[in-house]
PDB file of N, CA and C in Angstrom:
ATOM      1  N   MET A   1     162.346  37.535  80.449  1.00  0.00           N
ATOM      2  CA  MET A   1     161.273  37.861  81.778  1.00  0.00           C
ATOM      3  C   MET A   1     162.420  37.709  83.057  1.00  0.00           C
ATOM      4  N   LYS A   2     162.158  39.322  83.779  1.00  0.00           N
ATOM      5  CA  LYS A   2     163.045  39.155  84.919  1.00  0.00           C
ATOM      6  C   LYS A   2     162.456  38.496  85.995  1.00  0.00           C
ATOM      7  N   VAL A   3     162.606  37.517  86.817  1.00  0.00           N
ATOM      8  CA  VAL A   3     161.505  37.297  88.029  1.00  0.00           C
ATOM      9  C   VAL A   3     162.395  37.988  89.444  1.00  0.00           C
ATOM     10  N   GLU A   4     161.177  38.456  89.994  1.00  0.00           N
ATOM     11  CA  GLU A   4     161.138  39.549  90.841  1.00  0.00           C
ATOM     12  C   GLU A   4     161.916  38.595  91.878  1.00  0.00           C
ATOM     13  N   PRO A   5     162.690  39.543  93.008  1.00  0.00           N
ATOM     14  CA  PRO A   5     163.128  38.455  94.294  1.00  0.00           C
ATOM     15  C   PRO A   5     161.800  38.784  94.978  1.00  0.00           C
ATOM     16  N   ILE A   6     161.587  37.626  95.954  1.00  0.00           N
ATOM     17  CA  ILE A   6     160.404  38.012  97.404  1.00  0.00           C
ATOM     18  C   ILE A   6     161.090  38.492  98.386  1.00  0.00           C
ATOM     19  N   PHE A   7     160.112  39.425  98.317  1.00  0.00           N
ATOM     20  CA  PHE A   7     160.512  40.334  99.603  1.00  0.00           C
ATOM     21  C   PHE A   7     159.714  41.221  99.195  1.00  0.00           C
ATOM     22  N   ASP A   8     159.120  42.304 100.676  1.00  0.00           N
ATOM     23  CA  ASP A   8     158.231  43.090 100.560  1.00  0.00           C
ATOM     24  C   ASP A   8     158.644  44.561 100.204  1.00  0.00           C
ATOM     25  N   LEU A   9     158.776  45.103  99.174  1.00  0.00           N
ATOM     26  CA  LEU A   9     159.459  46.290  98.889  1.00  0.00           C
ATOM     27  C   LEU A   9     158.679  47.400  99.649  1.00  0.00           C
ATOM     28  N   GLU A  10     157.083  47.283  99.780  1.00  0.00           N
ATOM     29  CA  GLU A  10     156.221  48.468 100.328  1.00  0.00           C
ATOM     30  C   GLU A  10     157.008  48.136 101.728  1.00  0.00           C
ATOM     31  N   SER A  11     157.371  47.777 102.356  1.00  0.00           N
ATOM     32  CA  SER A  11     158.331  47.521 103.854  1.00  0.00           C
ATOM     33  C   SER A  11     159.334  47.771 104.137  1.00  0.00           C
ATOM     34  N   LEU A  12     160.116  47.993 103.347  1.00  0.00           N
ATOM     35  CA  LEU A  12     161.392  48.260 103.306  1.00  0.00           C
ATOM     36  C   LEU A  12     161.474  49.802 102.912  1.00  0.00           C
ATOM     37  N   VAL A  13     160.355  50.124 102.084  1.00  0.00           N
ATOM     38  CA  VAL A  13     160.406  51.304 101.748  1.00  0.00           C
ATOM     39  C   VAL A  13     159.905  52.437 102.972  1.00  0.00           C
ATOM     40  N   ASP A  14     159.016  51.695 103.472  1.00  0.00           N
ATOM     41  CA  ASP A  14     158.588  52.396 104.577  1.00  0.00           C
ATOM     42  C   ASP A  14     159.434  52.311 105.965  1.00  0.00           C
ATOM     43  N   GLU A  15     160.806  51.618 105.996  1.00  0.00           N
ATOM     44  CA  GLU A  15     161.258  51.219 107.173  1.00  0.00           C
ATOM     45  C   GLU A  15     162.161  52.339 106.835  1.00  0.00           C
ATOM     46  N   VAL A  16     162.648  52.580 105.543  1.00  0.00           N
ATOM     47  CA  VAL A  16     163.749  53.328 105.286  1.00  0.00           C
ATOM     48  C   VAL A  16     163.265  54.735 105.357  1.00  0.00           C
ATOM     49  N   LEU A  17     162.078  55.514 105.241  1.00  0.00           N
ATOM     50  CA  LEU A  17     161.012  56.766 105.406  1.00  0.00           C
ATOM     51  C   LEU A  17     161.332  56.830 107.229  1.00  0.00           C
ATOM     52  N   THR A  18     161.103  55.791 108.079  1.00  0.00           N
ATOM     53  CA  THR A  18     161.173  55.855 108.934  1.00  0.00           C
ATOM     54  C   THR A  18     162.097  55.845 109.666  1.00  0.00           C
ATOM     55  N   ARG A  19     163.121  55.557 109.644  1.00  0.00           N
ATOM     56  CA  ARG A  19     164.682  55.655 109.721  1.00  0.00           C
ATOM     57  C   ARG A  19     165.140  56.959 109.423  1.00  0.00           C
ATOM     58  N   TYR A  20     165.205  57.711 108.349  1.00  0.00           N
ATOM     59  CA  TYR A  20     165.554  58.638 107.773  1.00  0.00           C
ATOM     60  C   TYR A  20     164.398  59.851 107.754  1.00  0.00           C
ATOM     61  N   PRO A  21     163.953  60.351 108.732  1.00  0.00           N
ATOM     62  CA  PRO A  21     162.994  61.319 108.144  1.00  0.00           C
ATOM     63  C   PRO A  21     163.481  62.926 107.923  1.00  0.00           C
ATOM     64  N   GLU A  22     164.828  62.935 108.221  1.00  0.00           N
ATOM     65  CA  GLU A  22     165.287  64.390 108.076  1.00  0.00           C
ATOM     66  C   GLU A  22     165.776  63.794 106.350  1.00  0.00           C
ATOM     67  N   LYS A  23     165.709  62.837 105.737  1.00  0.00           N
ATOM     68  CA  LYS A  23     166.039  63.120 104.481  1.00  0.00           C
ATOM     69  C   LYS A  23     164.726  63.369 103.734  1.00  0.00           C
ATOM     70  N   VAL A  24     163.709  62.921 104.126  1.00  0.00           N
ATOM     71  CA  VAL A  24     162.245  62.999 103.923  1.00  0.00           C
ATOM     72  C   VAL A  24     161.705  64.936 103.659  1.00  0.00           C
ATOM     73  N   LEU A  25     162.837  65.233 104.533  1.00  0.00           N
ATOM     74  CA  LEU A  25     162.162  66.855 104.523  1.00  0.00           C
ATOM     75  C   LEU A  25     162.822  67.286 103.871  1.00  0.00           C
ATOM     76  N   GLU A  26     164.659  66.971 103.726  1.00  0.00           N
ATOM     77  CA  GLU A  26     165.100  67.465 102.899  1.00  0.00           C
ATOM     78  C   GLU A  26     164.919  67.437 101.362  1.00  0.00           C
ATOM     79  N   TYR A  27     164.155  65.898 101.289  1.00  0.00           N
ATOM     80  CA  TYR A  27     163.912  66.324  99.226  1.00  0.00           C
ATOM     81  C   TYR A  27     162.357  67.106  99.439  1.00  0.00           C
ATOM     82  N   LYS A  28     161.915  67.097 100.233  1.00  0.00           N
ATOM     83  CA  LYS A  28     160.095  67.804  99.891  1.00  0.00           C
ATOM     84  C   LYS A  28     160.577  69.161  99.877  1.00  0.00           C
ATOM     85  N   SER A  29     162.006  69.896 100.595  1.00  0.00           N
ATOM     86  CA  SER A  29     162.768  70.929 100.043  1.00  0.00           C
ATOM     87  C   SER A  29     163.480  71.050  98.760  1.00  0.00           C
ATOM     88  N   GLY A  30     163.298  70.069  98.187  1.00  0.00           N
ATOM     89  CA  GLY A  30     163.830  70.193  96.951  1.00  0.00           C
ATOM     90  C   GLY A  30     165.578  69.320  96.642  1.00  0.00           C
ATOM     91  N   SER A  31     165.707  68.746  97.856  1.00  0.00           N
ATOM     92  CA  SER A  31     166.788  68.426  97.623  1.00  0.00           C
ATOM     93  C   SER A  31     166.791  66.897  96.867  1.00  0.00           C
ATOM     94  N   SER A  32     167.273  66.961  95.255  1.00  0.00           N
ATOM     95  CA  SER A  32     167.334  65.767  95.016  1.00  0.00           C
ATOM     96  C   SER A  32     168.737  64.694  95.460  1.00  0.00           C
ATOM     97  N   GLU A  33     169.647  65.690  96.202  1.00  0.00           N
ATOM     98  CA  GLU A  33     170.545  64.101  96.992  1.00  0.00           C
ATOM     99  C   GLU A  33     170.050  63.386  97.827  1.00  0.00           C
ATOM    100  N   ALA A  34     168.954  63.668  98.443  1.00  0.00           N
ATOM    101  CA  ALA A  34     168.579  63.323  99.374  1.00  0.00           C
ATOM    102  C   ALA A  34     167.462  61.800  98.982  1.00  0.00           C
ATOM    103  N   PHE A  35     166.578  62.749  97.651  1.00  0.00           N
ATOM    104  CA  PHE A  35     165.771  61.070  96.929  1.00  0.00           C
ATOM    105  C   PHE A  35     167.336  60.172  96.830  1.00  0.00           C
ATOM    106  N   GLU A  36     168.054  60.486  96.468  1.00  0.00           N
ATOM    107  CA  GLU A  36     169.011  59.175  96.316  1.00  0.00           C
ATOM    108  C   GLU A  36     169.490  58.339  97.113  1.00  0.00           C
ATOM    109  N   PHE A  37     169.829  59.432  97.863  1.00  0.00           N
ATOM    110  CA  PHE A  37     170.106  58.345  99.365  1.00  0.00           C
ATOM    111  C   PHE A  37     169.101  57.598 100.041  1.00  0.00           C
ATOM    112  N   LEU A  38     167.805  58.106 100.251  1.00  0.00           N
ATOM    113  CA  LEU A  38     166.883  57.013 100.235  1.00  0.00           C
ATOM    114  C   LEU A  38     166.826  56.044  99.059  1.00  0.00           C
ATOM    115  N   VAL A  39     166.797  56.377  97.891  1.00  0.00           N
ATOM    116  CA  VAL A  39     167.012  55.396  96.834  1.00  0.00           C
ATOM    117  C   VAL A  39     168.240  53.879  97.104  1.00  0.00           C
ATOM    118  N   LYS A  40     169.402  54.888  97.356  1.00  0.00           N
ATOM    119  CA  LYS A  40     170.496  54.047  98.128  1.00  0.00           C
ATOM    120  C   LYS A  40     169.992  52.971  99.412  1.00  0.00           C
ATOM    121  N   GLU A  41     169.401  53.886 100.185  1.00  0.00           N
ATOM    122  CA  GLU A  41     169.211  52.856 101.337  1.00  0.00           C
ATOM    123  C   GLU A  41     168.197  51.606 101.458  1.00  0.00           C
ATOM    124  N   ILE A  42     167.369  51.956 100.064  1.00  0.00           N
ATOM    125  CA  ILE A  42     166.645  50.818 100.087  1.00  0.00           C
ATOM    126  C   ILE A  42     167.074  50.102  99.387  1.00  0.00           C
ATOM    127  N   LEU A  43     167.884  50.167  98.436  1.00  0.00           N
ATOM    128  CA  LEU A  43     168.706  48.862  97.288  1.00  0.00           C
ATOM    129  C   LEU A  43     169.328  48.219  98.175  1.00  0.00           C
ATOM    130  N   LYS A  44     170.501  49.334  99.752  1.00  0.00           N
ATOM    131  CA  LYS A  44     171.266  48.334 100.669  1.00  0.00           C
ATOM    132  C   LYS A  44     170.403  47.408 101.131  1.00  0.00           C
ATOM    133  N   PHE A  45     169.053  48.081 102.153  1.00  0.00           N
ATOM    134  CA  PHE A  45     168.472  47.345 102.642  1.00  0.00           C
ATOM    135  C   PHE A  45     167.969  46.096 101.604  1.00  0.00           C
ATOM    136  N   SER A  46     167.452  45.999 100.647  1.00  0.00           N
ATOM    137  CA  SER A  46     167.449  44.416  99.914  1.00  0.00           C
ATOM    138  C   SER A  46     168.183  44.054  99.053  1.00  0.00           C
ATOM    139  N   GLN A  47     169.258  44.277  99.517  1.00  0.00           N
ATOM    140  CA  GLN A  47     170.431  43.449  99.475  1.00  0.00           C
ATOM    141  C   GLN A  47     171.007  43.616  97.987  1.00  0.00           C
ATOM    142  N   GLY A  48     170.115  44.621  96.898  1.00  0.00           N
ATOM    143  CA  GLY A  48     170.523  44.778  95.773  1.00  0.00           C
ATOM    144  C   GLY A  48     169.542  44.213  94.764  1.00  0.00           C
ATOM    145  N   LYS A  49     168.814  43.686  95.637  1.00  0.00           N
ATOM    146  CA  LYS A  49     167.449  42.647  94.444  1.00  0.00           C
ATOM    147  C   LYS A  49     167.007  43.434  94.410  1.00  0.00           C
ATOM    148  N   ALA A  50     166.277  44.578  94.775  1.00  0.00           N
ATOM    149  CA  ALA A  50     165.437  45.729  94.529  1.00  0.00           C
ATOM    150  C   ALA A  50     165.655  46.074  93.141  1.00  0.00           C
ATOM    151  N   ASN A  51     164.490  46.044  92.128  1.00  0.00           N
ATOM    152  CA  ASN A  51     164.193  46.776  90.912  1.00  0.00           C
ATOM    153  C   ASN A  51     164.265  48.126  91.194  1.00  0.00           C
ATOM    154  N   PRO A  52     165.388  49.191  90.784  1.00  0.00           N
ATOM    155  CA  PRO A  52     166.012  50.749  91.144  1.00  0.00           C
ATOM    156  C   PRO A  52     164.963  51.322  90.630  1.00  0.00           C
ATOM    157  N   ILE A  53     163.881  51.029  89.247  1.00  0.00           N
ATOM    158  CA  ILE A  53     162.646  51.564  88.998  1.00  0.00           C
ATOM    159  C   ILE A  53     161.640  51.878  89.623  1.00  0.00           C
ATOM    160  N   ARG A  54     161.329  50.139  89.895  1.00  0.00           N
ATOM    161  CA  ARG A  54     159.989  50.438  91.033  1.00  0.00           C
ATOM    162  C   ARG A  54     160.316  50.920  92.529  1.00  0.00           C
ATOM    163  N   VAL A  55     161.922  51.026  93.140  1.00  0.00           N
ATOM    164  CA  VAL A  55     161.707  52.025  94.171  1.00  0.00           C
ATOM    165  C   VAL A  55     161.648  52.796  94.301  1.00  0.00           C
ATOM    166  N   ARG A  56     162.121  53.755  93.243  1.00  0.00           N
ATOM    167  CA  ARG A  56     161.851  55.254  92.667  1.00  0.00           C
ATOM    168  C   ARG A  56     160.178  55.436  93.037  1.00  0.00           C
ATOM    169  N   ALA A  57     159.885  54.706  91.365  1.00  0.00           N
ATOM    170  CA  ALA A  57     158.318  54.989  91.836  1.00  0.00           C
ATOM    171  C   ALA A  57     157.528  55.114  93.193  1.00  0.00           C
ATOM    172  N   LEU A  58     158.231  53.768  93.751  1.00  0.00           N
ATOM    173  CA  LEU A  58     157.294  53.432  95.087  1.00  0.00           C
ATOM    174  C   LEU A  58     157.667  54.350  96.403  1.00  0.00           C
ATOM    175  N   LEU A  59     158.700  54.969  96.685  1.00  0.00           N
ATOM    176  CA  LEU A  59     159.393  55.881  97.125  1.00  0.00           C
ATOM    177  C   LEU A  59     158.028  57.174  96.797  1.00  0.00           C
ATOM    178  N   VAL A  60     158.107  57.868  95.507  1.00  0.00           N
ATOM    179  CA  VAL A  60     157.698  59.430  95.137  1.00  0.00           C
ATOM    180  C   VAL A  60     156.007  58.960  95.769  1.00  0.00           C
ATOM    181  N   SER A  61     155.636  58.025  95.486  1.00  0.00           N
ATOM    182  CA  SER A  61     154.435  57.834  96.144  1.00  0.00           C
ATOM    183  C   SER A  61     154.145  57.763  97.464  1.00  0.00           C
ATOM    184  N   LYS A  62     154.842  57.107  97.949  1.00  0.00           N
ATOM    185  CA  LYS A  62     154.897  57.542  99.552  1.00  0.00           C
ATOM    186  C   LYS A  62     155.331  58.950 100.287  1.00  0.00           C
ATOM    187  N   ILE A  63     155.816  59.759  99.223  1.00  0.00           N
ATOM    188  CA  ILE A  63     156.814  60.627 100.164  1.00  0.00           C
ATOM    189  C   ILE A  63     155.089  61.723  99.864  1.00  0.00           C
TER     190      ILE A  63
END
């Protein structure tokens, strides 16, 4: 069983969405590159500790 690190993933996602509203608009217009950029930024903010699958799922639900 993998132990999840203790940090607020939802807050990280919110922070990245707030910092990069243009990437959100690009993603909504069909840009998969913009989505990947947002995922990478969230992983960077978490110092690589966030689960990429959870990041993607949460990001999709928030956009």
